[in-house]
């Protein structure tokens, strides 16, 4: 195996491996004040145009909040909130919402 092949293989593994975040869900629970207005304290959206955050993967939530903070994603309110958060706060909030267990029930007529 050449060094180029090794590097390509390593890069592929890094792309598919989930990123580990060190968020503390208990600290995140205490920090979701601004989130709760739209997304609900329990991660079930209060606003009709806000997504549910409960049960979403931690890595996804971290990446999306960081994208709002950097301007990669745009939403007036989310950008302002994200820009006020430090990396550890983002990790904690994401860990909290990811830790919430959700269930789904398929209606009988669709089974």
N, C-alpha and C. Protein backbone atom coordinates (compact mmCIF):
# COMPACT_ATOMS: atom_id res chain seq x y z
N UNK A 1 0.85 -1.17 0.00
CA UNK A 1 0.00 0.00 0.00
C UNK A 1 0.90 1.23 0.00
N UNK A 2 0.57 2.14 -0.89
CA UNK A 2 1.35 3.38 -0.97
C UNK A 2 0.89 4.35 0.10
N UNK A 3 1.70 5.36 0.33
CA UNK A 3 1.31 6.37 1.33
C UNK A 3 0.08 7.14 0.87
N UNK A 4 -0.08 7.30 -0.44
CA UNK A 4 -1.27 7.98 -0.96
C UNK A 4 -2.52 7.16 -0.68
N UNK A 5 -2.44 5.85 -0.89
CA UNK A 5 -3.58 4.98 -0.62
C UNK A 5 -3.91 4.98 0.88
N UNK A 6 -2.87 4.93 1.70
CA UNK A 6 -3.08 4.96 3.15
C UNK A 6 -3.77 6.26 3.56
N UNK A 7 -3.29 7.38 3.04
CA UNK A 7 -3.88 8.68 3.38
C UNK A 7 -5.33 8.75 2.92
N UNK A 8 -5.61 8.22 1.74
CA UNK A 8 -6.98 8.24 1.23
C UNK A 8 -7.89 7.38 2.10
N UNK A 9 -7.40 6.22 2.50
CA UNK A 9 -8.17 5.34 3.38
C UNK A 9 -8.43 5.97 4.74
N UNK A 10 -7.41 6.61 5.29
CA UNK A 10 -7.56 7.28 6.58
C UNK A 10 -8.57 8.43 6.48
N UNK A 11 -8.49 9.19 5.41
CA UNK A 11 -9.43 10.30 5.21
C UNK A 11 -10.86 9.77 5.11
N UNK A 12 -11.05 8.66 4.42
CA UNK A 12 -12.39 8.08 4.29
C UNK A 12 -12.92 7.64 5.65
N UNK A 13 -12.06 7.03 6.47
CA UNK A 13 -12.49 6.63 7.81
C UNK A 13 -12.88 7.82 8.66
N UNK A 14 -12.14 8.88 8.55
CA UNK A 14 -12.44 10.08 9.33
C UNK A 14 -13.76 10.70 8.91
N UNK A 15 -14.11 10.59 7.64
CA UNK A 15 -15.36 11.15 7.15
C UNK A 15 -16.57 10.36 7.61
N UNK A 16 -16.42 9.05 7.75
CA UNK A 16 -17.57 8.24 8.13
C UNK A 16 -17.64 7.99 9.63
N UNK A 17 -16.55 8.20 10.35
CA UNK A 17 -16.57 7.98 11.80
C UNK A 17 -17.32 9.12 12.47
N UNK A 18 -18.20 8.81 13.39
CA UNK A 18 -18.91 9.89 14.09
C UNK A 18 -17.94 10.67 14.96
N UNK A 19 -18.13 11.97 14.98
CA UNK A 19 -17.28 12.80 15.81
C UNK A 19 -17.73 12.66 17.26
N UNK A 20 -16.77 12.63 18.16
CA UNK A 20 -17.08 12.53 19.58
C UNK A 20 -17.12 13.92 20.18
N UNK A 21 -18.18 14.19 20.87
CA UNK A 21 -18.32 15.47 21.54
C UNK A 21 -18.38 15.19 23.03
N UNK A 22 -17.86 16.08 23.78
CA UNK A 22 -17.80 15.89 25.23
C UNK A 22 -18.86 16.70 25.95
N UNK A 23 -20.01 16.81 25.34
CA UNK A 23 -21.08 17.60 25.95
C UNK A 23 -21.62 16.96 27.22
N UNK A 24 -22.03 17.80 28.14
CA UNK A 24 -22.62 17.35 29.40
C UNK A 24 -24.12 17.65 29.34
N UNK A 25 -24.95 16.61 29.25
CA UNK A 25 -26.39 16.84 29.11
C UNK A 25 -27.00 17.60 30.29
N UNK A 26 -26.47 17.42 31.49
CA UNK A 26 -27.00 18.13 32.65
C UNK A 26 -26.74 19.63 32.52
N UNK A 27 -25.53 20.01 32.09
CA UNK A 27 -25.23 21.43 31.86
C UNK A 27 -26.06 21.96 30.70
N UNK A 28 -26.26 21.13 29.69
CA UNK A 28 -27.07 21.53 28.55
C UNK A 28 -28.51 21.79 28.95
N UNK A 29 -29.03 20.97 29.85
CA UNK A 29 -30.41 21.16 30.34
C UNK A 29 -30.57 22.54 30.98
N UNK A 30 -29.53 22.99 31.65
CA UNK A 30 -29.57 24.30 32.30
C UNK A 30 -29.37 25.45 31.31
N UNK A 31 -28.84 25.14 30.12
CA UNK A 31 -28.48 26.18 29.17
C UNK A 31 -29.46 26.36 28.02
N UNK A 32 -30.55 25.61 27.99
CA UNK A 32 -31.45 25.65 26.83
C UNK A 32 -32.49 26.76 26.88
N UNK A 33 -32.34 27.72 27.75
CA UNK A 33 -33.32 28.79 27.89
C UNK A 33 -33.72 29.44 26.59
N UNK A 34 -32.75 29.92 25.82
CA UNK A 34 -33.06 30.60 24.55
C UNK A 34 -33.62 29.62 23.52
N UNK A 35 -33.21 28.37 23.60
CA UNK A 35 -33.68 27.35 22.65
C UNK A 35 -35.15 27.01 22.88
N UNK A 36 -35.53 27.01 24.17
CA UNK A 36 -36.86 26.53 24.56
C UNK A 36 -37.99 27.36 23.97
N UNK A 37 -37.75 28.62 23.70
CA UNK A 37 -38.80 29.47 23.16
C UNK A 37 -39.39 28.89 21.88
N UNK A 38 -38.54 28.42 21.01
CA UNK A 38 -39.00 27.87 19.73
C UNK A 38 -39.01 26.34 19.71
N UNK A 39 -37.94 25.74 20.27
CA UNK A 39 -37.75 24.29 20.16
C UNK A 39 -38.31 23.52 21.35
N UNK A 40 -38.82 24.24 22.37
CA UNK A 40 -39.37 23.58 23.54
C UNK A 40 -38.28 23.12 24.49
N UNK A 41 -38.53 23.18 25.78
CA UNK A 41 -37.56 22.76 26.79
C UNK A 41 -37.24 21.28 26.65
N UNK A 42 -38.21 20.52 26.17
CA UNK A 42 -38.03 19.08 25.99
C UNK A 42 -37.64 18.71 24.56
N UNK A 43 -37.34 19.72 23.74
CA UNK A 43 -36.92 19.47 22.37
C UNK A 43 -38.05 19.25 21.40
N UNK A 44 -39.29 19.38 21.86
CA UNK A 44 -40.45 19.28 20.97
C UNK A 44 -40.87 20.71 20.66
N UNK A 45 -40.79 21.07 19.39
CA UNK A 45 -40.95 22.46 18.95
C UNK A 45 -42.25 23.10 19.41
N UNK A 46 -42.12 24.34 19.84
CA UNK A 46 -43.26 25.16 20.23
C UNK A 46 -43.72 26.01 19.05
N UNK A 47 -42.79 26.42 18.22
CA UNK A 47 -43.10 27.26 17.06
C UNK A 47 -43.34 26.35 15.85
N UNK A 48 -44.33 26.67 15.02
CA UNK A 48 -44.66 25.80 13.89
C UNK A 48 -43.56 25.67 12.85
N UNK A 49 -42.66 26.64 12.79
CA UNK A 49 -41.59 26.58 11.79
C UNK A 49 -40.25 26.13 12.38
N UNK A 50 -40.26 25.67 13.62
CA UNK A 50 -39.03 25.21 14.27
C UNK A 50 -39.00 23.69 14.31
N UNK A 51 -37.85 23.10 14.05
CA UNK A 51 -37.77 21.63 14.08
C UNK A 51 -37.69 21.09 15.51
N UNK A 52 -38.14 19.87 15.68
CA UNK A 52 -37.95 19.17 16.95
C UNK A 52 -36.47 18.82 17.07
N UNK A 53 -35.91 19.01 18.26
CA UNK A 53 -34.50 18.69 18.49
C UNK A 53 -34.32 17.43 19.33
N UNK A 54 -35.35 17.02 20.05
CA UNK A 54 -35.27 15.84 20.91
C UNK A 54 -34.86 14.62 20.12
N UNK A 55 -33.85 13.92 20.62
CA UNK A 55 -33.42 12.67 20.00
C UNK A 55 -32.56 12.81 18.77
N UNK A 56 -32.30 14.03 18.33
CA UNK A 56 -31.41 14.21 17.16
C UNK A 56 -29.99 13.83 17.57
N UNK A 57 -29.19 13.32 16.65
CA UNK A 57 -27.80 12.96 16.99
C UNK A 57 -27.01 14.20 17.46
N UNK A 58 -26.23 13.99 18.50
CA UNK A 58 -25.44 15.08 19.07
C UNK A 58 -24.55 15.73 18.02
N UNK A 59 -23.89 14.92 17.20
CA UNK A 59 -22.98 15.47 16.20
C UNK A 59 -23.72 16.35 15.19
N UNK A 60 -24.92 15.95 14.81
CA UNK A 60 -25.73 16.74 13.89
C UNK A 60 -26.08 18.09 14.50
N UNK A 61 -26.53 18.08 15.75
CA UNK A 61 -26.90 19.33 16.41
C UNK A 61 -25.71 20.27 16.55
N UNK A 62 -24.57 19.72 16.96
CA UNK A 62 -23.36 20.55 17.09
C UNK A 62 -23.01 21.18 15.74
N UNK A 63 -23.00 20.36 14.69
CA UNK A 63 -22.63 20.87 13.37
C UNK A 63 -23.58 21.95 12.88
N UNK A 64 -24.88 21.79 13.15
CA UNK A 64 -25.85 22.79 12.67
C UNK A 64 -25.72 24.10 13.44
N UNK A 65 -25.55 24.01 14.76
CA UNK A 65 -25.39 25.24 15.55
C UNK A 65 -24.11 25.96 15.12
N UNK A 66 -23.04 25.20 14.91
CA UNK A 66 -21.79 25.83 14.46
C UNK A 66 -21.96 26.46 13.08
N UNK A 67 -22.76 25.84 12.22
CA UNK A 67 -23.00 26.40 10.89
C UNK A 67 -23.77 27.72 10.98
N UNK A 68 -24.72 27.81 11.90
CA UNK A 68 -25.41 29.09 12.12
C UNK A 68 -24.44 30.13 12.66
N UNK A 69 -23.60 29.71 13.59
CA UNK A 69 -22.66 30.65 14.20
C UNK A 69 -21.67 31.19 13.17
N UNK A 70 -21.22 30.35 12.26
CA UNK A 70 -20.23 30.77 11.26
C UNK A 70 -20.85 31.52 10.08
N UNK A 71 -22.17 31.44 9.93
CA UNK A 71 -22.83 32.06 8.79
C UNK A 71 -23.00 31.11 7.62
N UNK A 72 -22.53 29.86 7.76
CA UNK A 72 -22.70 28.87 6.70
C UNK A 72 -24.19 28.59 6.47
N UNK A 73 -24.96 28.54 7.57
CA UNK A 73 -26.42 28.47 7.50
C UNK A 73 -26.95 29.81 7.96
N UNK A 74 -28.07 30.23 7.39
CA UNK A 74 -28.61 31.54 7.74
C UNK A 74 -30.03 31.45 8.24
N UNK A 75 -30.24 32.07 9.37
CA UNK A 75 -31.56 32.26 9.95
C UNK A 75 -31.35 33.35 10.99
N UNK A 76 -32.05 34.45 10.84
CA UNK A 76 -31.78 35.63 11.65
C UNK A 76 -31.71 35.33 13.14
N UNK A 77 -32.71 34.67 13.67
CA UNK A 77 -32.75 34.41 15.11
C UNK A 77 -31.72 33.36 15.52
N UNK A 78 -31.61 32.27 14.75
CA UNK A 78 -30.66 31.21 15.10
C UNK A 78 -29.22 31.71 15.02
N UNK A 79 -28.91 32.55 14.06
CA UNK A 79 -27.56 33.08 13.93
C UNK A 79 -27.21 33.90 15.16
N UNK A 80 -28.11 34.75 15.61
CA UNK A 80 -27.85 35.57 16.80
C UNK A 80 -27.63 34.70 18.04
N UNK A 81 -28.47 33.71 18.21
CA UNK A 81 -28.34 32.83 19.38
C UNK A 81 -27.04 32.04 19.29
N UNK A 82 -26.75 31.47 18.13
CA UNK A 82 -25.55 30.65 17.98
C UNK A 82 -24.28 31.46 18.19
N UNK A 83 -24.29 32.70 17.75
CA UNK A 83 -23.10 33.54 17.92
C UNK A 83 -22.83 33.87 19.38
N UNK A 84 -23.82 33.73 20.23
CA UNK A 84 -23.63 34.01 21.66
C UNK A 84 -23.13 32.79 22.42
N UNK A 85 -23.03 31.64 21.76
CA UNK A 85 -22.64 30.40 22.44
C UNK A 85 -21.17 30.07 22.25
N UNK A 86 -20.55 29.59 23.31
CA UNK A 86 -19.18 29.07 23.26
C UNK A 86 -19.25 27.61 22.82
N UNK A 87 -18.13 27.06 22.37
CA UNK A 87 -18.09 25.67 21.91
C UNK A 87 -18.60 24.70 22.96
N UNK A 88 -18.17 24.87 24.22
CA UNK A 88 -18.61 23.93 25.26
C UNK A 88 -20.10 24.03 25.53
N UNK A 89 -20.68 25.22 25.40
CA UNK A 89 -22.13 25.38 25.56
C UNK A 89 -22.88 24.67 24.44
N UNK A 90 -22.36 24.78 23.23
CA UNK A 90 -22.97 24.09 22.08
C UNK A 90 -22.94 22.58 22.32
N UNK A 91 -21.79 22.07 22.76
CA UNK A 91 -21.67 20.64 23.03
C UNK A 91 -22.66 20.20 24.10
N UNK A 92 -22.80 21.00 25.16
CA UNK A 92 -23.70 20.64 26.26
C UNK A 92 -25.16 20.65 25.81
N UNK A 93 -25.56 21.68 25.09
CA UNK A 93 -26.94 21.77 24.60
C UNK A 93 -27.25 20.61 23.66
N UNK A 94 -26.32 20.32 22.76
CA UNK A 94 -26.51 19.20 21.83
C UNK A 94 -26.60 17.88 22.59
N UNK A 95 -25.78 17.70 23.61
CA UNK A 95 -25.81 16.47 24.40
C UNK A 95 -27.15 16.32 25.11
N UNK A 96 -27.69 17.43 25.62
CA UNK A 96 -28.98 17.39 26.30
C UNK A 96 -30.10 16.95 25.35
N UNK A 97 -30.22 17.64 24.21
CA UNK A 97 -31.29 17.28 23.28
C UNK A 97 -31.10 15.87 22.72
N UNK A 98 -29.86 15.46 22.49
CA UNK A 98 -29.60 14.11 21.98
C UNK A 98 -29.96 13.04 23.01
N UNK A 99 -29.84 13.37 24.28
CA UNK A 99 -30.12 12.40 25.35
C UNK A 99 -31.61 12.14 25.55
N UNK A 100 -32.45 13.01 25.03
CA UNK A 100 -33.90 12.85 25.20
C UNK A 100 -34.36 11.72 24.30
N UNK A 101 -34.99 10.72 24.89
CA UNK A 101 -35.47 9.59 24.12
C UNK A 101 -36.85 9.90 23.58
N UNK A 102 -37.03 9.59 22.31
CA UNK A 102 -38.33 9.80 21.67
C UNK A 102 -38.80 8.47 21.09
N UNK A 103 -40.07 8.37 20.90
CA UNK A 103 -40.64 7.17 20.27
C UNK A 103 -41.54 7.61 19.12
N UNK A 104 -41.73 6.72 18.21
CA UNK A 104 -42.62 6.99 17.07
C UNK A 104 -43.63 5.85 16.99
N UNK A 105 -44.85 6.20 16.67
CA UNK A 105 -45.91 5.21 16.53
C UNK A 105 -46.50 5.34 15.14
N UNK A 106 -46.46 4.27 14.40
CA UNK A 106 -47.06 4.25 13.07
C UNK A 106 -48.56 4.04 13.25
N UNK A 107 -49.37 4.91 12.63
CA UNK A 107 -50.83 4.73 12.74
C UNK A 107 -51.24 3.36 12.22
N UNK A 108 -52.27 2.79 12.84
CA UNK A 108 -52.73 1.45 12.45
C UNK A 108 -53.05 1.34 10.98
N UNK A 109 -53.63 2.39 10.40
CA UNK A 109 -54.02 2.30 9.00
C UNK A 109 -52.82 2.40 8.04
N UNK A 110 -51.63 2.62 8.57
CA UNK A 110 -50.44 2.68 7.74
C UNK A 110 -49.49 1.51 7.97
N UNK A 111 -49.87 0.62 8.85
CA UNK A 111 -49.01 -0.54 9.15
C UNK A 111 -49.14 -1.59 8.09
